């Protein structure tokens, strides 16, 4: 598995990682953690599923947000930067 060389993560990556992780755990059903990372389309998908199903779909989106929040917080700054800032990984 080869990785492209990218510049080292800026110091703001750590704060984005923590903010996205906490928001994913607490209010993940609304997709706020996706918006923090600049991933507008996945954020809108999560928000619309939650709102348009009157909260029923929010249960599933909340579980996804919880899992993603935990993943964000367990990654190192370098791993997080490479996957979610450079490669723009949208899901899990």
C-alpha atoms as a PDB file:
ATOM      1  CA  UNK A   1       0.000   0.000   0.000  1.00  0.00           C
ATOM      2  CA  UNK A   2       1.655   3.212  -1.108  1.00  0.00           C
ATOM      3  CA  UNK A   3       0.830   6.567   0.363  1.00  0.00           C
ATOM      4  CA  UNK A   4       1.286   9.839  -1.401  1.00  0.00           C
ATOM      5  CA  UNK A   5       3.538  12.276   0.349  1.00  0.00           C
ATOM      6  CA  UNK A   6       1.643  15.205   1.731  1.00  0.00           C
ATOM      7  CA  UNK A   7       2.702  18.119   3.875  1.00  0.00           C
ATOM      8  CA  UNK A   8       2.559  17.565   7.621  1.00  0.00           C
ATOM      9  CA  UNK A   9      -0.820  18.260   9.184  1.00  0.00           C
ATOM     10  CA  UNK A  10      -1.340  21.836  10.327  1.00  0.00           C
ATOM     11  CA  UNK A  11      -2.062  22.455  13.990  1.00  0.00           C
ATOM     12  CA  UNK A  12      -5.718  23.176  13.167  1.00  0.00           C
ATOM     13  CA  UNK A  13      -6.135  19.543  12.094  1.00  0.00           C
ATOM     14  CA  UNK A  14      -5.977  18.421  15.718  1.00  0.00           C
ATOM     15  CA  UNK A  15      -8.697  20.850  16.783  1.00  0.00           C
ATOM     16  CA  UNK A  16     -10.857  19.848  13.785  1.00  0.00           C
ATOM     17  CA  UNK A  17     -10.347  16.189  14.675  1.00  0.00           C
ATOM     18  CA  UNK A  18     -11.414  16.747  18.267  1.00  0.00           C
ATOM     19  CA  UNK A  19     -14.370  18.990  17.364  1.00  0.00           C
ATOM     20  CA  UNK A  20     -15.586  16.585  14.670  1.00  0.00           C
ATOM     21  CA  UNK A  21     -15.163  13.613  17.000  1.00  0.00           C
ATOM     22  CA  UNK A  22     -17.111  15.182  19.852  1.00  0.00           C
ATOM     23  CA  UNK A  23     -19.866  16.449  17.555  1.00  0.00           C
ATOM     24  CA  UNK A  24     -20.078  13.037  15.899  1.00  0.00           C
ATOM     25  CA  UNK A  25     -20.558  11.370  19.278  1.00  0.00           C
ATOM     26  CA  UNK A  26     -23.022  13.892  20.711  1.00  0.00           C
ATOM     27  CA  UNK A  27     -25.069  15.111  17.721  1.00  0.00           C
ATOM     28  CA  UNK A  28     -23.934  12.820  14.914  1.00  0.00           C
ATOM     29  CA  UNK A  29     -27.440  12.312  13.559  1.00  0.00           C
ATOM     30  CA  UNK A  30     -27.440  15.852  12.209  1.00  0.00           C
ATOM     31  CA  UNK A  31     -24.146  15.449  10.315  1.00  0.00           C
ATOM     32  CA  UNK A  32     -22.469  18.399  12.037  1.00  0.00           C
ATOM     33  CA  UNK A  33     -19.167  16.517  12.195  1.00  0.00           C
ATOM     34  CA  UNK A  34     -19.217  16.220   8.385  1.00  0.00           C
ATOM     35  CA  UNK A  35     -19.699  19.966   7.974  1.00  0.00           C
ATOM     36  CA  UNK A  36     -16.764  20.615  10.337  1.00  0.00           C
ATOM     37  CA  UNK A  37     -14.573  18.539   8.015  1.00  0.00           C
ATOM     38  CA  UNK A  38     -15.862  20.375   4.930  1.00  0.00           C
ATOM     39  CA  UNK A  39     -17.773  17.343   3.652  1.00  0.00           C
ATOM     40  CA  UNK A  40     -20.978  19.109   2.656  1.00  0.00           C
ATOM     41  CA  UNK A  41     -22.724  16.362   0.673  1.00  0.00           C
ATOM     42  CA  UNK A  42     -22.443  13.642   3.347  1.00  0.00           C
ATOM     43  CA  UNK A  43     -23.449  16.214   5.973  1.00  0.00           C
ATOM     44  CA  UNK A  44     -26.549  17.152   4.012  1.00  0.00           C
ATOM     45  CA  UNK A  45     -27.422  13.487   3.508  1.00  0.00           C
ATOM     46  CA  UNK A  46     -27.258  12.828   7.246  1.00  0.00           C
ATOM     47  CA  UNK A  47     -29.207  15.987   8.076  1.00  0.00           C
ATOM     48  CA  UNK A  48     -31.930  15.342   5.505  1.00  0.00           C
ATOM     49  CA  UNK A  49     -32.363  11.693   6.484  1.00  0.00           C
ATOM     50  CA  UNK A  50     -32.830  12.756  10.095  1.00  0.00           C
ATOM     51  CA  UNK A  51     -35.212  15.632   9.335  1.00  0.00           C
ATOM     52  CA  UNK A  52     -37.257  14.073   6.523  1.00  0.00           C
ATOM     53  CA  UNK A  53     -37.947  10.891   8.490  1.00  0.00           C
ATOM     54  CA  UNK A  54     -39.110  12.932  11.510  1.00  0.00           C
ATOM     55  CA  UNK A  55     -36.200  11.620  13.548  1.00  0.00           C
ATOM     56  CA  UNK A  56     -36.670   7.899  12.851  1.00  0.00           C
ATOM     57  CA  UNK A  57     -33.735   7.858  10.431  1.00  0.00           C
ATOM     58  CA  UNK A  58     -31.844   9.902  13.006  1.00  0.00           C
ATOM     59  CA  UNK A  59     -31.388   6.738  15.048  1.00  0.00           C
ATOM     60  CA  UNK A  60     -29.341   5.165  12.271  1.00  0.00           C
ATOM     61  CA  UNK A  61     -27.546   8.430  11.494  1.00  0.00           C
ATOM     62  CA  UNK A  62     -26.809   8.863  15.206  1.00  0.00           C
ATOM     63  CA  UNK A  63     -25.198   5.427  15.343  1.00  0.00           C
ATOM     64  CA  UNK A  64     -23.125   6.249  12.266  1.00  0.00           C
ATOM     65  CA  UNK A  65     -22.110   9.570  13.859  1.00  0.00           C
ATOM     66  CA  UNK A  66     -21.158   7.809  17.091  1.00  0.00           C
ATOM     67  CA  UNK A  67     -18.963   5.305  15.250  1.00  0.00           C
ATOM     68  CA  UNK A  68     -17.339   8.000  13.135  1.00  0.00           C
ATOM     69  CA  UNK A  69     -16.731  10.212  16.178  1.00  0.00           C
ATOM     70  CA  UNK A  70     -14.938   7.382  17.935  1.00  0.00           C
ATOM     71  CA  UNK A  71     -12.896   6.659  14.804  1.00  0.00           C
ATOM     72  CA  UNK A  72     -11.887  10.330  14.501  1.00  0.00           C
ATOM     73  CA  UNK A  73     -10.745  10.492  18.118  1.00  0.00           C
ATOM     74  CA  UNK A  74      -8.732   7.262  17.968  1.00  0.00           C
ATOM     75  CA  UNK A  75      -6.714   8.249  14.890  1.00  0.00           C
ATOM     76  CA  UNK A  76      -3.404  10.037  15.145  1.00  0.00           C
ATOM     77  CA  UNK A  77      -3.169  13.556  13.733  1.00  0.00           C
ATOM     78  CA  UNK A  78      -1.206  12.245  10.742  1.00  0.00           C
ATOM     79  CA  UNK A  79      -3.698   9.455   9.985  1.00  0.00           C
ATOM     80  CA  UNK A  80      -6.643  11.816  10.362  1.00  0.00           C
ATOM     81  CA  UNK A  81      -5.038  14.456   8.148  1.00  0.00           C
ATOM     82  CA  UNK A  82      -4.205  11.942   5.410  1.00  0.00           C
ATOM     83  CA  UNK A  83      -7.611  10.248   5.357  1.00  0.00           C
ATOM     84  CA  UNK A  84     -10.068  13.075   5.990  1.00  0.00           C
ATOM     85  CA  UNK A  85      -8.270  16.242   4.866  1.00  0.00           C
ATOM     86  CA  UNK A  86      -6.083  15.070   1.977  1.00  0.00           C
ATOM     87  CA  UNK A  87      -8.143  12.125   0.658  1.00  0.00           C
ATOM     88  CA  UNK A  88     -11.539  13.598   1.690  1.00  0.00           C
ATOM     89  CA  UNK A  89     -12.800  10.207   2.923  1.00  0.00           C
ATOM     90  CA  UNK A  90     -16.532  10.703   3.439  1.00  0.00           C
ATOM     91  CA  UNK A  91     -17.743   7.655   5.344  1.00  0.00           C
ATOM     92  CA  UNK A  92     -16.113   5.598   8.102  1.00  0.00           C
END
